[in-house]
C-alpha atoms as a PDB file:
ATOM      1  CA  MET A   1      -0.009   0.068   0.010  1.00  0.00           C
ATOM      2  CA  GLU A   2       2.784   2.353   0.924  1.00  0.00           C
ATOM      3  CA  ASN A   3       4.568   1.695  -2.466  1.00  0.00           C
ATOM      4  CA  GLU A   4       1.391   2.196  -4.337  1.00  0.00           C
ATOM      5  CA  GLN A   5       0.640   5.479  -2.457  1.00  0.00           C
ATOM      6  CA  SER A   6       4.255   6.583  -3.243  1.00  0.00           C
ATOM      7  CA  ILE A   7       3.721   5.850  -6.949  1.00  0.00           C
ATOM      8  CA  ARG A   8       0.637   7.823  -7.112  1.00  0.00           C
ATOM      9  CA  THR A   9       2.349  10.746  -5.313  1.00  0.00           C
ATOM     10  CA  GLN A  10       5.229  10.642  -7.823  1.00  0.00           C
ATOM     11  CA  ASN A  11       2.755  10.885 -10.634  1.00  0.00           C
ATOM     12  CA  TYR A  12       0.876  13.983  -9.443  1.00  0.00           C
ATOM     13  CA  ILE A  13       1.605  17.322 -11.220  1.00  0.00           C
ATOM     14  CA  SER A  14       1.348  20.598  -9.590  1.00  0.00           C
ATOM     15  CA  VAL A  15      -0.889  23.533 -10.536  1.00  0.00           C
ATOM     16  CA  LEU A  16       2.273  25.395 -11.671  1.00  0.00           C
ATOM     17  CA  ALA A  17       3.303  22.511 -13.954  1.00  0.00           C
ATOM     18  CA  LEU A  18      -0.158  22.305 -15.552  1.00  0.00           C
ATOM     19  CA  THR A  19      -0.233  25.986 -15.936  1.00  0.00           C
ATOM     20  CA  MET A  20       3.093  26.145 -17.789  1.00  0.00           C
ATOM     21  CA  MET A  21       1.914  23.175 -19.985  1.00  0.00           C
ATOM     22  CA  ASN A  22      -1.172  25.281 -20.943  1.00  0.00           C
ATOM     23  CA  VAL A  23       0.984  28.369 -21.607  1.00  0.00           C
ATOM     24  CA  THR A  24       3.318  26.294 -23.800  1.00  0.00           C
ATOM     25  CA  MET A  25       0.414  25.118 -25.805  1.00  0.00           C
ATOM     26  CA  ILE A  26      -1.163  28.521 -26.477  1.00  0.00           C
ATOM     27  CA  ALA A  27       1.085  31.475 -25.713  1.00  0.00           C
ATOM     28  CA  GLY A  28       4.165  32.640 -27.613  1.00  0.00           C
ATOM     29  CA  ILE A  29       5.805  35.916 -28.459  1.00  0.00           C
ATOM     30  CA  GLY A  30       6.113  34.782 -32.163  1.00  0.00           C
ATOM     31  CA  ASN A  31       2.231  35.241 -32.481  1.00  0.00           C
ATOM     32  CA  ASP A  32       2.505  38.871 -31.428  1.00  0.00           C
ATOM     33  CA  VAL A  33       4.030  40.142 -34.682  1.00  0.00           C
ATOM     34  CA  GLN A  34       1.039  39.743 -36.900  1.00  0.00           C
ATOM     35  CA  GLN A  35      -1.378  41.191 -34.375  1.00  0.00           C
ATOM     36  CA  SER A  36       0.884  44.264 -33.763  1.00  0.00           C
ATOM     37  CA  PHE A  37      -0.289  45.789 -37.005  1.00  0.00           C
ATOM     38  CA  TYR A  38      -3.583  46.656 -35.343  1.00  0.00           C
ATOM     39  CA  GLY A  39      -1.915  48.600 -32.402  1.00  0.00           C
ATOM     40  CA  LEU A  40      -3.796  49.019 -29.187  1.00  0.00           C
ATOM     41  CA  SER A  41      -7.057  47.639 -30.567  1.00  0.00           C
ATOM     42  CA  SER A  42      -5.357  44.134 -30.455  1.00  0.00           C
ATOM     43  CA  ILE A  43      -5.683  44.338 -26.615  1.00  0.00           C
ATOM     44  CA  THR A  44      -9.471  44.503 -27.069  1.00  0.00           C
ATOM     45  CA  TYR A  45      -9.402  41.623 -29.439  1.00  0.00           C
ATOM     46  CA  PHE A  46      -7.367  39.490 -27.017  1.00  0.00           C
ATOM     47  CA  ALA A  47      -9.756  40.405 -24.074  1.00  0.00           C
ATOM     48  CA  ILE A  48     -12.784  39.406 -26.112  1.00  0.00           C
ATOM     49  CA  GLY A  49     -10.962  36.100 -27.139  1.00  0.00           C
ATOM     50  CA  ALA A  50     -10.201  35.326 -23.548  1.00  0.00           C
ATOM     51  CA  ILE A  51     -13.742  35.916 -22.403  1.00  0.00           C
ATOM     52  CA  CYS A  52     -15.648  34.518 -25.329  1.00  0.00           C
ATOM     53  CA  PHE A  53     -13.361  31.646 -26.290  1.00  0.00           C
ATOM     54  CA  PHE A  54     -10.842  30.691 -23.629  1.00  0.00           C
ATOM     55  CA  ILE A  55     -13.041  30.541 -20.588  1.00  0.00           C
ATOM     56  CA  PRO A  56     -15.983  28.482 -22.127  1.00  0.00           C
ATOM     57  CA  THR A  57     -13.579  26.154 -23.743  1.00  0.00           C
ATOM     58  CA  ALA A  58     -11.669  25.648 -20.417  1.00  0.00           C
ATOM     59  CA  LEU A  59     -14.964  25.100 -18.487  1.00  0.00           C
ATOM     60  CA  VAL A  60     -16.351  22.642 -21.045  1.00  0.00           C
ATOM     61  CA  THR A  61     -13.016  20.777 -21.231  1.00  0.00           C
ATOM     62  CA  ALA A  62     -12.925  20.470 -17.440  1.00  0.00           C
ATOM     63  CA  GLU A  63     -16.416  19.113 -17.434  1.00  0.00           C
ATOM     64  CA  LEU A  64     -15.803  16.582 -20.135  1.00  0.00           C
ATOM     65  CA  ALA A  65     -12.275  15.596 -18.533  1.00  0.00           C
ATOM     66  CA  THR A  66     -13.963  14.699 -15.215  1.00  0.00           C
ATOM     67  CA  GLY A  67     -17.038  13.136 -16.544  1.00  0.00           C
ATOM     68  CA  TRP A  68     -15.642   9.638 -16.675  1.00  0.00           C
ATOM     69  CA  SER A  69     -13.612   7.549 -14.174  1.00  0.00           C
ATOM     70  CA  ASN A  70     -10.988   6.543 -16.729  1.00  0.00           C
ATOM     71  CA  ARG A  71      -8.269   8.806 -17.956  1.00  0.00           C
ATOM     72  CA  GLY A  72      -8.084  10.006 -21.470  1.00  0.00           C
ATOM     73  CA  GLY A  73      -8.015  12.980 -23.778  1.00  0.00           C
ATOM     74  CA  ILE A  74      -9.923  13.717 -26.905  1.00  0.00           C
ATOM     75  CA  PHE A  75     -10.451  10.111 -27.675  1.00  0.00           C
ATOM     76  CA  ARG A  76     -12.170   9.426 -24.334  1.00  0.00           C
ATOM     77  CA  ARG A  77     -14.230  12.607 -24.471  1.00  0.00           C
ATOM     78  CA  VAL A  78     -15.554  12.094 -28.126  1.00  0.00           C
ATOM     79  CA  GLY A  79     -15.818   8.230 -27.754  1.00  0.00           C
ATOM     80  CA  GLU A  80     -18.057   8.545 -24.692  1.00  0.00           C
ATOM     81  CA  GLY A  81     -20.109  11.312 -26.068  1.00  0.00           C
ATOM     82  CA  LEU A  82     -20.489  10.042 -29.533  1.00  0.00           C
ATOM     83  CA  VAL A  83     -19.067   6.705 -30.898  1.00  0.00           C
ATOM     84  CA  ARG A  84     -15.490   5.402 -31.044  1.00  0.00           C
ATOM     85  CA  GLY A  85     -15.272   5.766 -34.718  1.00  0.00           C
ATOM     86  CA  TRP A  86     -15.522   9.585 -34.517  1.00  0.00           C
ATOM     87  CA  ALA A  87     -13.141   9.394 -31.603  1.00  0.00           C
ATOM     88  CA  LEU A  88     -10.559   7.563 -33.678  1.00  0.00           C
ATOM     89  CA  THR A  89     -11.234  10.238 -36.439  1.00  0.00           C
ATOM     90  CA  CYS A  90     -10.436  13.111 -34.023  1.00  0.00           C
ATOM     91  CA  LEU A  91      -7.362  11.337 -32.801  1.00  0.00           C
ATOM     92  CA  LEU A  92      -6.023  10.921 -36.337  1.00  0.00           C
ATOM     93  CA  ILE A  93      -6.766  14.610 -37.120  1.00  0.00           C
ATOM     94  CA  LEU A  94      -4.847  15.623 -34.038  1.00  0.00           C
ATOM     95  CA  TRP A  95      -2.020  13.369 -34.914  1.00  0.00           C
ATOM     96  CA  PHE A  96      -1.663  14.817 -38.387  1.00  0.00           C
ATOM     97  CA  GLN A  97      -1.934  18.314 -37.002  1.00  0.00           C
ATOM     98  CA  THR A  98       1.025  17.624 -34.752  1.00  0.00           C
ATOM     99  CA  MET A  99       3.076  15.981 -37.514  1.00  0.00           C
ATOM    100  CA  ILE A 100       2.441  18.886 -39.828  1.00  0.00           C
ATOM    101  CA  ASN A 101       3.317  21.386 -37.123  1.00  0.00           C
ATOM    102  CA  PHE A 102       6.624  19.509 -36.409  1.00  0.00           C
ATOM    103  CA  GLY A 103       7.562  19.372 -40.064  1.00  0.00           C
ATOM    104  CA  MET A 104       6.711  23.124 -40.619  1.00  0.00           C
ATOM    105  CA  GLY A 105       8.613  24.028 -37.523  1.00  0.00           C
ATOM    106  CA  MET A 106      12.005  22.615 -38.432  1.00  0.00           C
ATOM    107  CA  PRO A 107      12.792  24.899 -41.313  1.00  0.00           C
ATOM    108  CA  SER A 108      11.561  27.930 -39.243  1.00  0.00           C
ATOM    109  CA  PHE A 109      13.690  26.711 -36.330  1.00  0.00           C
ATOM    110  CA  ALA A 110      16.758  26.479 -38.487  1.00  0.00           C
ATOM    111  CA  ALA A 111      16.131  29.858 -40.124  1.00  0.00           C
ATOM    112  CA  THR A 112      15.534  31.332 -36.521  1.00  0.00           C
ATOM    113  CA  ILE A 113      18.933  30.136 -35.478  1.00  0.00           C
ATOM    114  CA  MET A 114      20.568  31.763 -38.515  1.00  0.00           C
ATOM    115  CA  PHE A 115      18.974  35.097 -37.559  1.00  0.00           C
ATOM    116  CA  TYR A 116      21.393  35.215 -34.589  1.00  0.00           C
ATOM    117  CA  THR A 117      24.214  35.720 -37.110  1.00  0.00           C
ATOM    118  CA  PRO A 118      24.702  38.943 -39.079  1.00  0.00           C
ATOM    119  CA  ASN A 119      23.915  37.058 -42.241  1.00  0.00           C
ATOM    120  CA  TYR A 120      20.332  37.928 -42.367  1.00  0.00           C
ATOM    121  CA  ASP A 121      19.915  37.461 -46.171  1.00  0.00           C
ATOM    122  CA  ALA A 122      20.985  33.820 -45.974  1.00  0.00           C
ATOM    123  CA  ALA A 123      18.465  33.293 -43.153  1.00  0.00           C
ATOM    124  CA  VAL A 124      15.599  34.640 -45.217  1.00  0.00           C
ATOM    125  CA  LYS A 125      16.652  32.668 -48.155  1.00  0.00           C
ATOM    126  CA  PHE A 126      16.890  29.581 -46.177  1.00  0.00           C
ATOM    127  CA  ALA A 127      13.317  30.225 -44.764  1.00  0.00           C
ATOM    128  CA  GLN A 128      11.824  30.877 -48.225  1.00  0.00           C
ATOM    129  CA  HIS A 129      13.662  28.331 -50.271  1.00  0.00           C
ATOM    130  CA  PRO A 130      15.198  25.498 -48.095  1.00  0.00           C
ATOM    131  CA  GLN A 131      17.718  23.689 -50.033  1.00  0.00           C
ATOM    132  CA  HIS A 132      19.013  21.320 -47.363  1.00  0.00           C
ATOM    133  CA  GLU A 133      16.070  18.737 -47.433  1.00  0.00           C
ATOM    134  CA  ILE A 134      18.076  15.961 -46.019  1.00  0.00           C
ATOM    135  CA  LEU A 135      19.373  18.042 -43.121  1.00  0.00           C
ATOM    136  CA  ILE A 136      15.917  19.324 -42.344  1.00  0.00           C
ATOM    137  CA  MET A 137      14.311  15.871 -42.366  1.00  0.00           C
ATOM    138  CA  THR A 138      17.214  14.489 -40.218  1.00  0.00           C
ATOM    139  CA  CYS A 139      16.738  17.193 -37.645  1.00  0.00           C
ATOM    140  CA  PHE A 140      13.001  16.611 -37.730  1.00  0.00           C
ATOM    141  CA  ILE A 141      13.329  12.884 -37.137  1.00  0.00           C
ATOM    142  CA  VAL A 142      15.882  13.339 -34.421  1.00  0.00           C
ATOM    143  CA  LEU A 143      13.823  15.862 -32.584  1.00  0.00           C
ATOM    144  CA  TYR A 144      10.677  13.721 -33.012  1.00  0.00           C
ATOM    145  CA  TRP A 145      12.352  10.711 -31.352  1.00  0.00           C
ATOM    146  CA  ILE A 146      13.772  12.816 -28.601  1.00  0.00           C
ATOM    147  CA  LEU A 147      10.412  14.096 -27.665  1.00  0.00           C
ATOM    148  CA  THR A 148       9.019  10.674 -27.966  1.00  0.00           C
ATOM    149  CA  PHE A 149      11.601   9.307 -25.629  1.00  0.00           C
ATOM    150  CA  ILE A 150      10.900  12.018 -23.100  1.00  0.00           C
ATOM    151  CA  ALA A 151       7.188  11.221 -23.494  1.00  0.00           C
ATOM    152  CA  THR A 152       7.857   7.612 -22.340  1.00  0.00           C
ATOM    153  CA  LYS A 153       9.200   9.094 -19.055  1.00  0.00           C
ATOM    154  CA  GLY A 154       5.765  10.258 -18.031  1.00  0.00           C
ATOM    155  CA  VAL A 155       3.943  13.601 -17.776  1.00  0.00           C
ATOM    156  CA  LYS A 156       6.310  14.727 -15.067  1.00  0.00           C
ATOM    157  CA  ALA A 157       9.211  14.831 -17.382  1.00  0.00           C
ATOM    158  CA  PHE A 158       7.233  16.833 -19.887  1.00  0.00           C
ATOM    159  CA  SER A 159       5.901  19.151 -17.303  1.00  0.00           C
ATOM    160  CA  ASN A 160       9.363  20.114 -16.099  1.00  0.00           C
ATOM    161  CA  ILE A 161      10.362  20.758 -19.731  1.00  0.00           C
ATOM    162  CA  ALA A 162       7.366  22.974 -20.173  1.00  0.00           C
ATOM    163  CA  LYS A 163       7.973  24.840 -16.881  1.00  0.00           C
ATOM    164  CA  TYR A 164      11.627  25.858 -17.714  1.00  0.00           C
ATOM    165  CA  GLY A 165      10.854  26.157 -21.450  1.00  0.00           C
ATOM    166  CA  VAL A 166       8.211  28.838 -20.785  1.00  0.00           C
ATOM    167  CA  ILE A 167      10.408  30.729 -18.315  1.00  0.00           C
ATOM    168  CA  ILE A 168      13.458  30.638 -20.593  1.00  0.00           C
ATOM    169  CA  GLY A 169      11.877  30.757 -24.025  1.00  0.00           C
ATOM    170  CA  THR A 170       8.959  33.228 -23.344  1.00  0.00           C
ATOM    171  CA  LEU A 171       8.976  35.015 -19.977  1.00  0.00           C
ATOM    172  CA  LEU A 172      12.636  36.008 -19.920  1.00  0.00           C
ATOM    173  CA  PRO A 173      12.646  37.398 -23.591  1.00  0.00           C
ATOM    174  CA  LEU A 174       9.405  39.189 -22.678  1.00  0.00           C
ATOM    175  CA  VAL A 175      11.090  40.830 -19.633  1.00  0.00           C
ATOM    176  CA  LEU A 176      14.035  41.710 -21.844  1.00  0.00           C
ATOM    177  CA  MET A 177      11.727  43.358 -24.401  1.00  0.00           C
ATOM    178  CA  ILE A 178      10.039  45.390 -21.641  1.00  0.00           C
ATOM    179  CA  VAL A 179      13.585  46.665 -20.303  1.00  0.00           C
ATOM    180  CA  LEU A 180      14.783  47.520 -23.747  1.00  0.00           C
ATOM    181  CA  THR A 181      11.528  49.407 -24.560  1.00  0.00           C
ATOM    182  CA  ALA A 182      11.810  51.285 -21.284  1.00  0.00           C
ATOM    183  CA  VAL A 183      15.323  52.282 -22.207  1.00  0.00           C
ATOM    184  CA  TRP A 184      14.191  53.208 -25.850  1.00  0.00           C
ATOM    185  CA  LEU A 185      11.503  55.516 -24.355  1.00  0.00           C
ATOM    186  CA  VAL A 186      13.821  57.113 -21.848  1.00  0.00           C
ATOM    187  CA  GLU A 187      16.134  58.091 -24.714  1.00  0.00           C
ATOM    188  CA  GLY A 188      13.431  60.110 -26.165  1.00  0.00           C
ATOM    189  CA  TYR A 189      11.890  57.999 -28.970  1.00  0.00           C
ATOM    190  CA  LYS A 190       8.210  58.341 -29.644  1.00  0.00           C
ATOM    191  CA  PRO A 191       5.863  55.356 -30.024  1.00  0.00           C
ATOM    192  CA  ALA A 192       4.798  54.547 -33.536  1.00  0.00           C
ATOM    193  CA  ILE A 193       1.071  54.305 -32.375  1.00  0.00           C
ATOM    194  CA  LEU A 194      -1.086  56.630 -30.460  1.00  0.00           C
ATOM    195  CA  MET A 195      -0.979  55.490 -26.762  1.00  0.00           C
ATOM    196  CA  THR A 196      -4.522  56.650 -25.856  1.00  0.00           C
ATOM    197  CA  PRO A 197      -7.679  55.007 -24.698  1.00  0.00           C
ATOM    198  CA  LYS A 198      -9.245  55.704 -28.128  1.00  0.00           C
ATOM    199  CA  GLY A 199      -6.742  53.265 -29.516  1.00  0.00           C
ATOM    200  CA  LEU A 200      -8.605  50.452 -27.741  1.00  0.00           C
ATOM    201  CA  ILE A 201     -11.728  51.012 -29.798  1.00  0.00           C
ATOM    202  CA  LEU A 202     -12.335  48.447 -32.507  1.00  0.00           C
ATOM    203  CA  LYS A 203     -12.493  49.516 -36.091  1.00  0.00           C
ATOM    204  CA  TRP A 204     -14.506  47.898 -38.710  1.00  0.00           C
ATOM    205  CA  ASN A 205     -12.512  47.222 -41.910  1.00  0.00           C
ATOM    206  CA  GLY A 206     -14.795  44.673 -43.576  1.00  0.00           C
ATOM    207  CA  MET A 207     -13.887  41.064 -43.791  1.00  0.00           C
ATOM    208  CA  ASN A 208     -10.373  41.900 -42.647  1.00  0.00           C
ATOM    209  CA  THR A 209     -11.642  42.613 -39.189  1.00  0.00           C
ATOM    210  CA  LEU A 210     -13.432  39.303 -39.093  1.00  0.00           C
ATOM    211  CA  ALA A 211     -10.154  37.662 -40.208  1.00  0.00           C
ATOM    212  CA  LEU A 212      -8.216  39.431 -37.441  1.00  0.00           C
ATOM    213  CA  ALA A 213     -10.806  38.390 -34.751  1.00  0.00           C
ATOM    214  CA  ALA A 214     -10.627  34.795 -35.961  1.00  0.00           C
ATOM    215  CA  GLY A 215      -6.761  34.883 -35.809  1.00  0.00           C
ATOM    216  CA  VAL A 216      -6.900  36.289 -32.201  1.00  0.00           C
ATOM    217  CA  PHE A 217      -9.403  33.647 -31.125  1.00  0.00           C
ATOM    218  CA  PHE A 218      -7.331  30.901 -32.644  1.00  0.00           C
ATOM    219  CA  SER A 219      -4.417  32.199 -30.618  1.00  0.00           C
ATOM    220  CA  TYR A 220      -6.102  30.504 -27.544  1.00  0.00           C
ATOM    221  CA  THR A 221      -6.734  27.254 -29.268  1.00  0.00           C
ATOM    222  CA  GLY A 222      -5.164  24.133 -27.691  1.00  0.00           C
ATOM    223  CA  ILE A 223      -6.227  24.926 -24.131  1.00  0.00           C
ATOM    224  CA  ASP A 224      -8.170  21.628 -24.113  1.00  0.00           C
ATOM    225  CA  MET A 225      -5.121  19.512 -24.847  1.00  0.00           C
ATOM    226  CA  ASN A 226      -3.897  19.217 -21.283  1.00  0.00           C
ATOM    227  CA  ALA A 227      -7.338  18.316 -19.934  1.00  0.00           C
ATOM    228  CA  ALA A 228      -6.229  14.661 -20.214  1.00  0.00           C
ATOM    229  CA  HIS A 229      -4.035  15.146 -17.199  1.00  0.00           C
ATOM    230  CA  ILE A 230      -6.750  16.525 -14.986  1.00  0.00           C
ATOM    231  CA  LYS A 231      -6.893  13.324 -12.935  1.00  0.00           C
ATOM    232  CA  GLN A 232      -3.181  13.597 -12.130  1.00  0.00           C
ATOM    233  CA  LEU A 233      -3.815  16.673 -10.006  1.00  0.00           C
ATOM    234  CA  ARG A 234      -4.124  16.202  -6.300  1.00  0.00           C
ATOM    235  CA  LYS A 235      -7.443  18.133  -6.103  1.00  0.00           C
ATOM    236  CA  PRO A 236      -8.846  18.295  -9.728  1.00  0.00           C
ATOM    237  CA  GLU A 237     -11.903  20.186  -8.788  1.00  0.00           C
ATOM    238  CA  LYS A 238      -9.931  23.027  -7.318  1.00  0.00           C
ATOM    239  CA  ASP A 239      -6.488  22.756  -8.989  1.00  0.00           C
ATOM    240  CA  PHE A 240      -7.716  22.602 -12.599  1.00  0.00           C
ATOM    241  CA  PRO A 241      -9.818  25.735 -12.591  1.00  0.00           C
ATOM    242  CA  LYS A 242      -7.053  27.575 -10.807  1.00  0.00           C
ATOM    243  CA  ALA A 243      -4.496  26.463 -13.455  1.00  0.00           C
ATOM    244  CA  MET A 244      -6.794  27.473 -16.262  1.00  0.00           C
ATOM    245  CA  PHE A 245      -7.375  30.978 -14.716  1.00  0.00           C
ATOM    246  CA  ILE A 246      -3.608  31.575 -14.144  1.00  0.00           C
ATOM    247  CA  SER A 247      -2.932  30.341 -17.703  1.00  0.00           C
ATOM    248  CA  MET A 248      -5.446  32.762 -19.126  1.00  0.00           C
ATOM    249  CA  ILE A 249      -3.817  35.640 -17.335  1.00  0.00           C
ATOM    250  CA  LEU A 250      -0.324  34.676 -18.365  1.00  0.00           C
ATOM    251  CA  ALA A 251      -1.339  34.111 -21.996  1.00  0.00           C
ATOM    252  CA  PHE A 252      -3.155  37.393 -22.148  1.00  0.00           C
ATOM    253  CA  ILE A 253      -0.102  39.198 -20.600  1.00  0.00           C
ATOM    254  CA  ILE A 254       2.360  37.607 -23.141  1.00  0.00           C
ATOM    255  CA  PHE A 255       0.040  38.333 -26.081  1.00  0.00           C
ATOM    256  CA  VAL A 256      -0.698  41.873 -25.057  1.00  0.00           C
ATOM    257  CA  VAL A 257       2.689  43.069 -23.808  1.00  0.00           C
ATOM    258  CA  GLY A 258       4.564  41.636 -26.784  1.00  0.00           C
ATOM    259  CA  THR A 259       1.997  42.958 -29.304  1.00  0.00           C
ATOM    260  CA  VAL A 260       1.983  46.466 -27.888  1.00  0.00           C
ATOM    261  CA  ILE A 261       5.810  46.635 -27.619  1.00  0.00           C
ATOM    262  CA  ILE A 262       6.134  45.600 -31.273  1.00  0.00           C
ATOM    263  CA  ALA A 263       3.495  48.096 -32.407  1.00  0.00           C
ATOM    264  CA  MET A 264       5.241  50.928 -30.512  1.00  0.00           C
ATOM    265  CA  ILE A 265       8.671  50.394 -31.921  1.00  0.00           C
ATOM    266  CA  VAL A 266       8.012  49.040 -35.374  1.00  0.00           C
ATOM    267  CA  PRO A 267       6.272  51.671 -37.587  1.00  0.00           C
END
C-alpha cells in the first residue's frame, strides 16, 4: 500500500506545472508580430477572445475531462459522447496536425537560429527556399524521437520541460523586451502608435476585421489538450480551474505586452 501511494504521489503534477503546460500550448511571442499591425485595438481583441473563447472552452473541457472515471484525452471525450469511430477520427486529425506542425517548425527553427548571425539574407533565403532537405528531415526525425523518448518518461518529465521552457523561452525574452523598450522611451523615442484609450476601440474594416478576430481567437486554441492530465492533479476540482485561470492571465499578458511593444517600436 505504501509503495502504491508513493507511486501515485510521484505521478501527481502541480498547478504550476499544468499552468506552464497550458501556456506552452497557446502562448508565444511569435504570435504577437502579426497582431501588432492593429496597435492598441489588439488588446480589445485578445480580451474578447479570452472571455468568449478561452473561458468557455476551459470550462467545457474540465467538465468533459472529469465526466468519466477513466483517464483519456480527446479520444475518451468524443468516444463516450458520440461513438468510438468519431473518436478515432479526431485522434487521427490531431496526430496529423501535430506531425504537420513539427514538419513546418523545423525549417523555421533552422532559419531562426541563422538570424542570430549577421547574415540575415541567408536566413531569409533559407526560410523561403530550403535547399537542405536531407538536413531538415534528419533534424526533424531526431527531434521527434527525442520528444518521443521524453514522453515515455511520463507527464512529470514533460511538465518540467514545459515549466523551464516557458520561463527561458517566453517570460525572460518578454522581460528583456520590456526593459529595452523602457530604455528606448527614456532615450526620447516616440511610440509609432497613439497611446490613448481611443486606440482600444475596434475599427470595422470589412472582412479583414473578421479575419483578425478569428486569428486572435485561434491564438487561444489548444487549451483543451492538457485536460487529459486533470486526474493527475491532487485536487482536480480546485486545481484545474485555478491552473486555467492563471494560464489565461499569463497568456493574455504575453500576447498583449509583446504585441503592444512591437506596435510601439516598429512603424
